[in-house]
Every structure is written in structure tokens, then in C-alpha cells.
Amino acid sequence: SYAIEETRLSITGGIQPGAFRQAFKDPKDPQGLQGRFLYAIPQVKPAKRVKGTCQLNQILPALYQWLDQLPSGTFTLSNEADLLYSQYVEAMGIEAEKSDNAAVRAWLRKLSPQMLRQAMSLHLLHCFFEKERDFWVIEADILKRSIEACAYYRSAFEVVMEKVGQSDSISSLL
């Protein structure tokens, strides 16, 4: 395991549908815990053997060391990224207001900040591999990739409901 002070947490892995329903069963969720997660369910594909090796073991120690030595500071969006983010927030706001389901409205309103967190992670990875990139400025190319990831999360939302929801009500999952 590895710890980085003052960071956000991402968990990648699986959870059984029954355990998921038990952990996330409060439809009112007064603390907002469940709204802080972005859920993703991969499309099931037939098993296929892929030959090859994984070289992450050589990259990860250097990445961890680099992350551990990062300075504290404030990141900004480039002008193009800032405009793109403003457009995204407004679009999500319009879509949220169109929904007659309170849970969907709340989820869509939380998608923009989640997208920025993803952009930060992607930006740091790019900075590790591309030393010429401006460390303190998140560019539009990174934000566009993060928006694409959020589009996936939005599409996966319905899949999650279908796979683990006990009813047709979105609020029962949230």
C-alpha cells in the first residue's frame, strides 16, 4: 500500500451485488455519502487469453516517489479549459433541472466536481510522463478526457440501476 497526504481516494475493484445493496441502501442518505462515489460497471465480455507481460512494476515506484515529492499549491484551468468547464457545468445544470427525479438531479449536480477531480489525476499522470507540460495549469485536452470519462459514468449509471437496484426507483440506489 501507499499513502499520499491530502489526496482523494479512488477504489478500483469489485463488489458483490448483495454487499453493494447492503452498504448503499439508505435512499435518503442524510450525510451524502453515497453521492460522493462514481460507480462503474464494465461490460461483460467473454474470457480471452492475452499473451504478454506487464511492466507497471518498473513504472509505479518512480511515479509514487514523484507524487510523494510534489509541492503544495493551487492548480488552475487554462482559458480554454475554463470555458469548457463553464459550458459543462451549465449543461449539467440544465439536464439536472429537466429531471423530475430528485436523486438524478443531485447526482448530475455532483458530476462536475467529480470531473475536475478526474482531470487533476489525469493531469498529474501526464505531467509525470511529459515533463514539458505546465505543472500548475490543467489544459483543455485533459479536461476533455475527463469529460469523456464522466460520459461513461453517466451511461453506467443506468447499468448500475439495472444490475444492483432492487426497484426501478433511482433514489433507492442513491
N, C-alpha and C. Protein backbone atom coordinates (compact mmCIF):
# COMPACT_ATOMS: atom_id res chain seq x y z
N SER A 1 0.84 -1.19 0.00
CA SER A 1 0.00 0.00 0.00
C SER A 1 0.87 1.23 0.00
N TYR A 2 0.27 2.36 -0.34
CA TYR A 2 0.99 3.61 -0.44
C TYR A 2 0.05 4.72 -0.02
N ALA A 3 0.54 5.68 0.74
CA ALA A 3 -0.31 6.77 1.22
C ALA A 3 0.24 8.10 0.75
N ILE A 4 -0.65 8.98 0.33
CA ILE A 4 -0.30 10.34 -0.05
C ILE A 4 -1.16 11.26 0.80
N GLU A 5 -0.54 12.14 1.55
CA GLU A 5 -1.30 13.04 2.40
C GLU A 5 -2.12 14.01 1.56
N GLU A 6 -3.27 14.38 2.10
CA GLU A 6 -4.16 15.37 1.49
C GLU A 6 -4.55 15.04 0.06
N THR A 7 -5.00 13.84 -0.17
CA THR A 7 -5.43 13.46 -1.51
C THR A 7 -6.87 12.96 -1.46
N ARG A 8 -7.39 12.60 -2.58
CA ARG A 8 -8.71 11.99 -2.65
C ARG A 8 -8.50 10.50 -2.87
N LEU A 9 -9.52 9.72 -2.63
CA LEU A 9 -9.38 8.28 -2.71
C LEU A 9 -10.18 7.73 -3.88
N SER A 10 -9.54 6.86 -4.64
CA SER A 10 -10.22 6.13 -5.70
C SER A 10 -10.06 4.65 -5.39
N ILE A 11 -11.15 3.93 -5.48
CA ILE A 11 -11.11 2.49 -5.22
C ILE A 11 -11.50 1.78 -6.50
N THR A 12 -10.64 0.89 -6.95
CA THR A 12 -10.93 0.11 -8.13
C THR A 12 -11.03 -1.34 -7.69
N GLY A 13 -12.08 -1.96 -8.09
CA GLY A 13 -12.25 -3.36 -7.72
C GLY A 13 -13.70 -3.75 -7.87
N GLY A 14 -14.02 -4.89 -7.36
CA GLY A 14 -15.38 -5.39 -7.50
C GLY A 14 -16.09 -5.48 -6.17
N ILE A 15 -17.39 -5.50 -6.25
CA ILE A 15 -18.21 -5.69 -5.06
C ILE A 15 -19.41 -6.53 -5.48
N GLN A 16 -19.77 -7.47 -4.63
CA GLN A 16 -20.90 -8.32 -4.94
C GLN A 16 -22.19 -7.50 -4.85
N PRO A 17 -23.17 -7.78 -5.71
CA PRO A 17 -24.43 -7.02 -5.69
C PRO A 17 -25.10 -6.98 -4.32
N GLY A 18 -25.09 -8.10 -3.60
CA GLY A 18 -25.71 -8.11 -2.27
C GLY A 18 -25.00 -7.20 -1.29
N ALA A 19 -23.67 -7.22 -1.31
CA ALA A 19 -22.89 -6.34 -0.43
C ALA A 19 -23.10 -4.88 -0.82
N PHE A 20 -23.22 -4.61 -2.11
CA PHE A 20 -23.47 -3.24 -2.57
C PHE A 20 -24.82 -2.75 -2.05
N ARG A 21 -25.86 -3.57 -2.21
CA ARG A 21 -27.20 -3.19 -1.75
C ARG A 21 -27.22 -2.96 -0.24
N GLN A 22 -26.47 -3.76 0.51
CA GLN A 22 -26.45 -3.60 1.96
C GLN A 22 -25.71 -2.31 2.36
N ALA A 23 -24.61 -2.02 1.70
CA ALA A 23 -23.83 -0.84 2.06
C ALA A 23 -24.49 0.46 1.61
N PHE A 24 -25.23 0.42 0.51
CA PHE A 24 -25.82 1.63 -0.05
C PHE A 24 -27.34 1.49 -0.13
N LYS A 25 -27.96 1.26 0.99
CA LYS A 25 -29.39 1.02 0.99
C LYS A 25 -30.23 2.20 1.44
N ASP A 26 -29.64 3.23 2.01
CA ASP A 26 -30.40 4.35 2.55
C ASP A 26 -30.77 5.32 1.42
N PRO A 27 -32.03 5.33 0.95
CA PRO A 27 -32.38 6.20 -0.18
C PRO A 27 -32.33 7.69 0.18
N LYS A 28 -32.42 8.02 1.46
CA LYS A 28 -32.39 9.43 1.86
C LYS A 28 -30.95 9.89 2.06
N ASP A 29 -30.08 9.02 2.54
CA ASP A 29 -28.65 9.28 2.71
C ASP A 29 -28.39 10.69 3.25
N PRO A 30 -28.75 10.95 4.51
CA PRO A 30 -28.66 12.31 5.04
C PRO A 30 -27.23 12.88 5.07
N GLN A 31 -26.21 12.03 5.09
CA GLN A 31 -24.84 12.52 5.12
C GLN A 31 -24.26 12.73 3.71
N GLY A 32 -24.98 12.27 2.68
CA GLY A 32 -24.49 12.45 1.31
C GLY A 32 -23.35 11.52 0.94
N LEU A 33 -23.13 10.47 1.72
CA LEU A 33 -22.00 9.57 1.46
C LEU A 33 -22.11 8.93 0.07
N GLN A 34 -23.28 8.43 -0.26
CA GLN A 34 -23.42 7.69 -1.50
C GLN A 34 -23.25 8.57 -2.73
N GLY A 35 -23.56 9.84 -2.61
CA GLY A 35 -23.40 10.76 -3.72
C GLY A 35 -21.96 11.12 -4.00
N ARG A 36 -21.03 10.71 -3.15
CA ARG A 36 -19.62 11.03 -3.34
C ARG A 36 -18.90 9.99 -4.19
N PHE A 37 -19.60 8.93 -4.57
CA PHE A 37 -18.98 7.86 -5.33
C PHE A 37 -19.41 7.94 -6.79
N LEU A 38 -18.50 7.61 -7.69
CA LEU A 38 -18.81 7.41 -9.08
C LEU A 38 -18.72 5.90 -9.31
N TYR A 39 -19.82 5.30 -9.72
CA TYR A 39 -19.87 3.86 -9.89
C TYR A 39 -19.67 3.50 -11.35
N ALA A 40 -18.97 2.44 -11.59
CA ALA A 40 -18.75 1.97 -12.95
C ALA A 40 -18.84 0.46 -12.97
N ILE A 41 -19.56 -0.04 -13.96
CA ILE A 41 -19.65 -1.49 -14.16
C ILE A 41 -19.19 -1.77 -15.58
N PRO A 42 -18.11 -2.53 -15.74
CA PRO A 42 -17.63 -2.81 -17.09
C PRO A 42 -18.58 -3.75 -17.83
N GLN A 43 -18.59 -3.61 -19.13
CA GLN A 43 -19.41 -4.50 -19.94
C GLN A 43 -18.79 -5.90 -19.88
N VAL A 44 -19.61 -6.90 -19.67
CA VAL A 44 -19.13 -8.27 -19.57
C VAL A 44 -18.74 -8.75 -20.96
N LYS A 45 -17.53 -9.26 -21.07
CA LYS A 45 -17.04 -9.79 -22.34
C LYS A 45 -16.57 -11.21 -22.11
N PRO A 46 -16.62 -12.02 -23.15
CA PRO A 46 -16.14 -13.41 -23.00
C PRO A 46 -14.65 -13.42 -22.64
N ALA A 47 -14.25 -14.42 -21.88
CA ALA A 47 -12.85 -14.53 -21.48
C ALA A 47 -11.98 -14.79 -22.70
N LYS A 48 -10.83 -14.14 -22.73
CA LYS A 48 -9.90 -14.31 -23.84
C LYS A 48 -8.49 -14.18 -23.29
N ARG A 49 -7.67 -15.12 -23.64
CA ARG A 49 -6.28 -15.06 -23.17
C ARG A 49 -5.50 -14.05 -23.98
N VAL A 50 -4.76 -13.23 -23.28
CA VAL A 50 -3.89 -12.25 -23.92
C VAL A 50 -2.47 -12.53 -23.46
N LYS A 51 -1.60 -12.79 -24.39
CA LYS A 51 -0.21 -13.07 -24.05
C LYS A 51 0.56 -11.77 -23.92
N GLY A 52 1.45 -11.72 -22.98
CA GLY A 52 2.27 -10.53 -22.80
C GLY A 52 2.67 -10.37 -21.36
N THR A 53 3.38 -9.31 -21.09
CA THR A 53 3.84 -9.04 -19.73
C THR A 53 3.41 -7.63 -19.34
N CYS A 54 3.38 -7.38 -18.07
CA CYS A 54 3.02 -6.08 -17.54
C CYS A 54 4.27 -5.44 -16.95
N GLN A 55 4.57 -4.24 -17.35
CA GLN A 55 5.77 -3.58 -16.89
C GLN A 55 5.49 -2.50 -15.84
N LEU A 56 4.30 -2.45 -15.31
CA LEU A 56 3.96 -1.43 -14.32
C LEU A 56 4.88 -1.47 -13.11
N ASN A 57 5.36 -2.64 -12.77
CA ASN A 57 6.21 -2.73 -11.59
C ASN A 57 7.46 -1.85 -11.72
N GLN A 58 7.89 -1.56 -12.93
CA GLN A 58 9.05 -0.69 -13.13
C GLN A 58 8.66 0.79 -13.13
N ILE A 59 7.43 1.09 -13.48
CA ILE A 59 6.98 2.48 -13.58
C ILE A 59 6.44 2.99 -12.25
N LEU A 60 5.69 2.16 -11.55
CA LEU A 60 4.99 2.63 -10.36
C LEU A 60 5.90 3.16 -9.25
N PRO A 61 7.00 2.52 -8.90
CA PRO A 61 7.84 3.10 -7.84
C PRO A 61 8.30 4.53 -8.15
N ALA A 62 8.68 4.77 -9.40
CA ALA A 62 9.10 6.12 -9.78
C ALA A 62 7.93 7.10 -9.72
N LEU A 63 6.75 6.66 -10.15
CA LEU A 63 5.56 7.51 -10.09
C LEU A 63 5.21 7.83 -8.65
N TYR A 64 5.23 6.82 -7.78
CA TYR A 64 4.92 7.05 -6.36
C TYR A 64 5.91 8.02 -5.72
N GLN A 65 7.17 7.84 -6.03
CA GLN A 65 8.20 8.73 -5.46
C GLN A 65 7.97 10.16 -5.95
N TRP A 66 7.66 10.31 -7.23
CA TRP A 66 7.41 11.64 -7.81
C TRP A 66 6.19 12.27 -7.15
N LEU A 67 5.11 11.50 -7.00
CA LEU A 67 3.90 12.02 -6.37
C LEU A 67 4.15 12.43 -4.92
N ASP A 68 4.97 11.65 -4.24
CA ASP A 68 5.27 11.92 -2.83
C ASP A 68 6.03 13.22 -2.64
N GLN A 69 6.73 13.67 -3.67
CA GLN A 69 7.56 14.87 -3.55
C GLN A 69 6.94 16.11 -4.21
N LEU A 70 5.68 16.03 -4.57
CA LEU A 70 5.03 17.17 -5.23
C LEU A 70 4.86 18.32 -4.25
N PRO A 71 5.03 19.54 -4.74
CA PRO A 71 4.81 20.70 -3.87
C PRO A 71 3.32 20.96 -3.67
N SER A 72 2.99 21.64 -2.59
CA SER A 72 1.61 22.07 -2.37
C SER A 72 1.38 23.33 -3.19
N GLY A 73 0.16 23.49 -3.65
CA GLY A 73 -0.14 24.68 -4.42
C GLY A 73 -1.53 24.61 -5.01
N THR A 74 -1.85 25.59 -5.81
CA THR A 74 -3.17 25.69 -6.42
C THR A 74 -3.05 25.51 -7.92
N PHE A 75 -3.84 24.59 -8.45
CA PHE A 75 -3.89 24.38 -9.89
C PHE A 75 -4.96 25.28 -10.48
N THR A 76 -4.75 25.69 -11.71
CA THR A 76 -5.74 26.49 -12.42
C THR A 76 -6.06 25.82 -13.74
N LEU A 77 -7.16 26.23 -14.32
CA LEU A 77 -7.53 25.77 -15.66
C LEU A 77 -7.03 26.80 -16.67
N SER A 78 -6.56 26.31 -17.81
CA SER A 78 -6.20 27.24 -18.88
C SER A 78 -7.47 27.97 -19.31
N ASN A 79 -7.32 29.05 -20.08
CA ASN A 79 -8.51 29.80 -20.52
C ASN A 79 -9.47 28.92 -21.30
N GLU A 80 -8.93 28.09 -22.20
CA GLU A 80 -9.78 27.19 -22.99
C GLU A 80 -10.46 26.15 -22.08
N ALA A 81 -9.71 25.60 -21.15
CA ALA A 81 -10.28 24.61 -20.22
C ALA A 81 -11.33 25.25 -19.32
N ASP A 82 -11.09 26.49 -18.89
CA ASP A 82 -12.04 27.19 -18.04
C ASP A 82 -13.37 27.41 -18.77
N LEU A 83 -13.30 27.81 -20.02
CA LEU A 83 -14.50 28.00 -20.83
C LEU A 83 -15.23 26.67 -21.01
N LEU A 84 -14.49 25.63 -21.29
CA LEU A 84 -15.07 24.30 -21.47
C LEU A 84 -15.75 23.83 -20.18
N TYR A 85 -15.10 24.07 -19.04
CA TYR A 85 -15.68 23.66 -17.76
C TYR A 85 -16.97 24.44 -17.48
N SER A 86 -16.97 25.74 -17.76
CA SER A 86 -18.18 26.54 -17.55
C SER A 86 -19.33 26.01 -18.39
N GLN A 87 -19.05 25.66 -19.63
CA GLN A 87 -20.08 25.11 -20.52
C GLN A 87 -20.59 23.77 -19.98
N TYR A 88 -19.69 22.96 -19.47
CA TYR A 88 -20.06 21.64 -18.93
C TYR A 88 -20.95 21.80 -17.70
N VAL A 89 -20.57 22.69 -16.79
CA VAL A 89 -21.36 22.92 -15.57
C VAL A 89 -22.77 23.39 -15.93
N GLU A 90 -22.85 24.32 -16.87
CA GLU A 90 -24.16 24.84 -17.28
C GLU A 90 -25.00 23.75 -17.93
N ALA A 91 -24.39 22.92 -18.78
CA ALA A 91 -25.11 21.84 -19.43
C ALA A 91 -25.63 20.82 -18.40
N MET A 92 -24.79 20.48 -17.42
CA MET A 92 -25.22 19.55 -16.38
C MET A 92 -26.34 20.16 -15.54
N GLY A 93 -26.27 21.47 -15.30
CA GLY A 93 -27.33 22.14 -14.55
C GLY A 93 -28.66 22.09 -15.29
N ILE A 94 -28.62 22.31 -16.59
CA ILE A 94 -29.84 22.25 -17.40
C ILE A 94 -30.41 20.84 -17.39
N GLU A 95 -29.53 19.84 -17.57
CA GLU A 95 -30.00 18.45 -17.56
C GLU A 95 -30.56 18.07 -16.19
N ALA A 96 -29.92 18.54 -15.14
CA ALA A 96 -30.40 18.23 -13.78
C ALA A 96 -31.80 18.81 -13.58
N GLU A 97 -32.01 20.02 -14.01
CA GLU A 97 -33.32 20.65 -13.81
C GLU A 97 -34.41 20.01 -14.65
N LYS A 98 -34.04 19.39 -15.75
CA LYS A 98 -35.03 18.72 -16.60
C LYS A 98 -35.56 17.44 -15.96
N SER A 99 -34.77 16.85 -15.06
CA SER A 99 -35.17 15.58 -14.44
C SER A 99 -36.22 15.83 -13.37
N ASP A 100 -37.22 14.98 -13.35
CA ASP A 100 -38.23 15.09 -12.30
C ASP A 100 -37.89 14.22 -11.10
N ASN A 101 -36.72 13.60 -11.12
CA ASN A 101 -36.28 12.75 -10.01
C ASN A 101 -35.22 13.49 -9.20
N ALA A 102 -35.47 13.69 -7.93
CA ALA A 102 -34.55 14.43 -7.06
C ALA A 102 -33.17 13.77 -6.99
N ALA A 103 -33.14 12.45 -6.99
CA ALA A 103 -31.86 11.74 -6.90
C ALA A 103 -31.02 11.98 -8.15
N VAL A 104 -31.65 11.97 -9.31
CA VAL A 104 -30.93 12.22 -10.55
C VAL A 104 -30.42 13.66 -10.58
N ARG A 105 -31.24 14.59 -10.13
CA ARG A 105 -30.81 15.99 -10.08
C ARG A 105 -29.58 16.14 -9.18
N ALA A 106 -29.60 15.50 -8.03
CA ALA A 106 -28.46 15.59 -7.10
C ALA A 106 -27.22 14.95 -7.71
N TRP A 107 -27.39 13.81 -8.35
CA TRP A 107 -26.26 13.11 -8.94
C TRP A 107 -25.63 13.93 -10.06
N LEU A 108 -26.45 14.51 -10.93
CA LEU A 108 -25.92 15.31 -12.03
C LEU A 108 -25.21 16.56 -11.53
N ARG A 109 -25.69 17.15 -10.45
CA ARG A 109 -25.04 18.34 -9.90
C ARG A 109 -23.66 18.01 -9.31
N LYS A 110 -23.47 16.77 -8.91
CA LYS A 110 -22.18 16.38 -8.33
C LYS A 110 -21.19 15.88 -9.38
N LEU A 111 -21.65 15.76 -10.61
CA LEU A 111 -20.79 15.22 -11.66
C LEU A 111 -19.66 16.20 -12.04
N SER A 112 -19.94 17.50 -12.06
CA SER A 112 -18.91 18.48 -12.45
C SER A 112 -17.71 18.49 -11.51
N PRO A 113 -17.92 18.52 -10.18
CA PRO A 113 -16.75 18.46 -9.29
C PRO A 113 -16.00 17.13 -9.41
N GLN A 114 -16.72 16.04 -9.65
CA GLN A 114 -16.06 14.75 -9.84
C GLN A 114 -15.17 14.80 -11.09
N MET A 115 -15.68 15.46 -12.12
CA MET A 115 -14.94 15.58 -13.36
C MET A 115 -13.63 16.34 -13.14
N LEU A 116 -13.67 17.38 -12.30
CA LEU A 116 -12.44 18.12 -12.00
C LEU A 116 -11.43 17.26 -11.24
N ARG A 117 -11.92 16.42 -10.34
CA ARG A 117 -11.01 15.52 -9.61
C ARG A 117 -10.32 14.56 -10.57
N GLN A 118 -11.10 14.04 -11.51
CA GLN A 118 -10.51 13.15 -12.51
C GLN A 118 -9.49 13.89 -13.36
N ALA A 119 -9.82 15.13 -13.72
CA ALA A 119 -8.90 15.93 -14.53
C ALA A 119 -7.58 16.13 -13.80
N MET A 120 -7.65 16.36 -12.50
CA MET A 120 -6.43 16.54 -11.70
C MET A 120 -5.58 15.26 -11.75
N SER A 121 -6.19 14.13 -11.58
CA SER A 121 -5.45 12.86 -11.64
C SER A 121 -4.81 12.65 -13.00
N LEU A 122 -5.59 12.88 -14.06
CA LEU A 122 -5.05 12.74 -15.41
C LEU A 122 -3.92 13.72 -15.66
N HIS A 123 -4.10 14.93 -15.18
CA HIS A 123 -3.06 15.97 -15.35
C HIS A 123 -1.75 15.53 -14.69
N LEU A 124 -1.84 15.01 -13.48
CA LEU A 124 -0.63 14.57 -12.78
C LEU A 124 0.06 13.43 -13.53
N LEU A 125 -0.72 12.51 -14.06
CA LEU A 125 -0.11 11.42 -14.85
C LEU A 125 0.58 11.98 -16.09
N HIS A 126 -0.07 12.91 -16.76
CA HIS A 126 0.56 13.50 -17.94
C HIS A 126 1.83 14.26 -17.57
N CYS A 127 1.79 14.98 -16.46
CA CYS A 127 2.98 15.71 -16.03
C CYS A 127 4.14 14.77 -15.70
N PHE A 128 3.84 13.61 -15.16
CA PHE A 128 4.89 12.64 -14.85
C PHE A 128 5.59 12.18 -16.12
N PHE A 129 4.81 11.93 -17.18
CA PHE A 129 5.39 11.41 -18.41
C PHE A 129 5.82 12.51 -19.39
N GLU A 130 5.23 13.70 -19.26
CA GLU A 130 5.55 14.81 -20.16
C GLU A 130 6.08 15.97 -19.32
N LYS A 131 7.37 15.98 -19.07
CA LYS A 131 7.98 16.96 -18.17
C LYS A 131 7.83 18.40 -18.67
N GLU A 132 7.61 18.59 -19.97
CA GLU A 132 7.49 19.94 -20.51
C GLU A 132 6.11 20.56 -20.25
N ARG A 133 5.16 19.78 -19.80
CA ARG A 133 3.80 20.27 -19.53
C ARG A 133 3.85 21.22 -18.32
N ASP A 134 3.05 22.29 -18.39
CA ASP A 134 2.95 23.25 -17.27
C ASP A 134 2.27 22.54 -16.09
N PHE A 135 3.02 22.36 -15.02
CA PHE A 135 2.53 21.60 -13.87
C PHE A 135 1.30 22.23 -13.22
N TRP A 136 1.23 23.56 -13.17
CA TRP A 136 0.19 24.24 -12.40
C TRP A 136 -1.06 24.57 -13.22
N VAL A 137 -1.06 24.25 -14.51
CA VAL A 137 -2.19 24.59 -15.37
C VAL A 137 -2.75 23.32 -16.02
N ILE A 138 -4.03 23.08 -15.81
CA ILE A 138 -4.72 21.95 -16.44
C ILE A 138 -5.27 22.43 -17.78
N GLU A 139 -4.82 21.81 -18.84
CA GLU A 139 -5.20 22.23 -20.20
C GLU A 139 -6.50 21.57 -20.65
N ALA A 140 -7.05 22.10 -21.73
CA ALA A 140 -8.34 21.63 -22.25
C ALA A 140 -8.29 20.16 -22.69
N ASP A 141 -7.14 19.70 -23.21
CA ASP A 141 -7.07 18.31 -23.65
C ASP A 141 -7.31 17.35 -22.49
N ILE A 142 -6.80 17.70 -21.32
CA ILE A 142 -7.01 16.87 -20.13
C ILE A 142 -8.47 16.95 -19.71
N LEU A 143 -9.04 18.14 -19.71
CA LEU A 143 -10.43 18.31 -19.31
C LEU A 143 -11.36 17.54 -20.25
N LYS A 144 -11.05 17.55 -21.54
CA LYS A 144 -11.88 16.80 -22.49
C LYS A 144 -11.85 15.30 -22.20
N ARG A 145 -10.70 14.79 -21.82
CA ARG A 145 -10.62 13.37 -21.46
C ARG A 145 -11.44 13.08 -20.20
N SER A 146 -11.39 13.99 -19.27
CA SER A 146 -12.17 13.81 -18.05
C SER A 146 -13.67 13.86 -18.35
N ILE A 147 -14.07 14.75 -19.24
CA ILE A 147 -15.48 14.82 -19.64
C ILE A 147 -15.91 13.52 -20.30
N GLU A 148 -15.04 12.93 -21.10
CA GLU A 148 -15.34 11.63 -21.73
C GLU A 148 -15.52 10.56 -20.66
N ALA A 149 -14.69 10.58 -19.63
CA ALA A 149 -14.84 9.61 -18.55
C ALA A 149 -16.16 9.81 -17.83
N CYS A 150 -16.55 11.05 -17.61
CA CYS A 150 -17.83 11.32 -16.96
C CYS A 150 -19.01 10.88 -17.83
N ALA A 151 -18.86 10.98 -19.13
CA ALA A 151 -19.91 10.49 -20.03
C ALA A 151 -20.07 8.98 -19.84
N TYR A 152 -18.95 8.30 -19.64
CA TYR A 152 -19.03 6.86 -19.35
C TYR A 152 -19.76 6.62 -18.04
N TYR A 153 -19.41 7.38 -16.99
CA TYR A 153 -20.08 7.20 -15.71
C TYR A 153 -21.57 7.46 -15.82
N ARG A 154 -21.94 8.46 -16.60
CA ARG A 154 -23.36 8.75 -16.78
C ARG A 154 -24.06 7.58 -17.44
N SER A 155 -23.45 6.99 -18.47
CA SER A 155 -24.07 5.85 -19.14
C SER A 155 -24.08 4.62 -18.24
N ALA A 156 -23.06 4.48 -17.39
CA ALA A 156 -23.01 3.34 -16.48
C ALA A 156 -24.03 3.45 -15.35
N PHE A 157 -24.51 4.64 -15.10
CA PHE A 157 -25.49 4.86 -14.04
C PHE A 157 -26.72 3.98 -14.25
N GLU A 158 -27.23 3.95 -15.47
CA GLU A 158 -28.39 3.12 -15.76
C GLU A 158 -28.06 1.64 -15.65
N VAL A 159 -26.86 1.26 -16.04
CA VAL A 159 -26.44 -0.14 -15.92
C VAL A 159 -26.39 -0.55 -14.46
N VAL A 160 -25.87 0.32 -13.61
CA VAL A 160 -25.82 0.03 -12.17
C VAL A 160 -27.22 -0.20 -11.66
N MET A 161 -28.15 0.65 -12.05
CA MET A 161 -29.53 0.50 -11.60
C MET A 161 -30.10 -0.83 -12.03
N GLU A 162 -29.81 -1.21 -13.26
CA GLU A 162 -30.34 -2.46 -13.79
C GLU A 162 -29.74 -3.67 -13.08
N LYS A 163 -28.45 -3.60 -12.76
CA LYS A 163 -27.76 -4.76 -12.20
C LYS A 163 -27.96 -4.94 -10.70
N VAL A 164 -27.97 -3.83 -9.94
CA VAL A 164 -27.99 -3.98 -8.48
C VAL A 164 -29.17 -3.31 -7.80
N GLY A 165 -29.94 -2.53 -8.53
CA GLY A 165 -31.09 -1.88 -7.90
C GLY A 165 -32.18 -2.88 -7.58
N GLN A 166 -32.84 -2.70 -6.47
CA GLN A 166 -33.91 -3.61 -6.08
C GLN A 166 -35.26 -3.12 -6.59
N SER A 167 -35.28 -1.94 -7.15
CA SER A 167 -36.52 -1.40 -7.71
C SER A 167 -36.18 -0.54 -8.89
N ASP A 168 -37.19 -0.01 -9.54
CA ASP A 168 -36.98 0.88 -10.67
C ASP A 168 -36.66 2.30 -10.25
N SER A 169 -36.73 2.59 -8.95
CA SER A 169 -36.52 3.94 -8.45
C SER A 169 -35.02 4.24 -8.32
N ILE A 170 -34.57 5.27 -9.01
CA ILE A 170 -33.17 5.65 -8.94
C ILE A 170 -32.81 6.06 -7.51
N SER A 171 -33.75 6.69 -6.82
CA SER A 171 -33.47 7.13 -5.47
C SER A 171 -33.23 5.97 -4.52
N SER A 172 -33.73 4.79 -4.84
CA SER A 172 -33.47 3.63 -3.97
C SER A 172 -32.00 3.26 -3.99
N LEU A 173 -31.32 3.50 -5.13
CA LEU A 173 -29.89 3.22 -5.18
C LEU A 173 -29.11 4.34 -4.54
N LEU A 174 -29.47 5.59 -4.86
CA LEU A 174 -28.72 6.72 -4.31
C LEU A 174 -28.94 6.83 -2.82
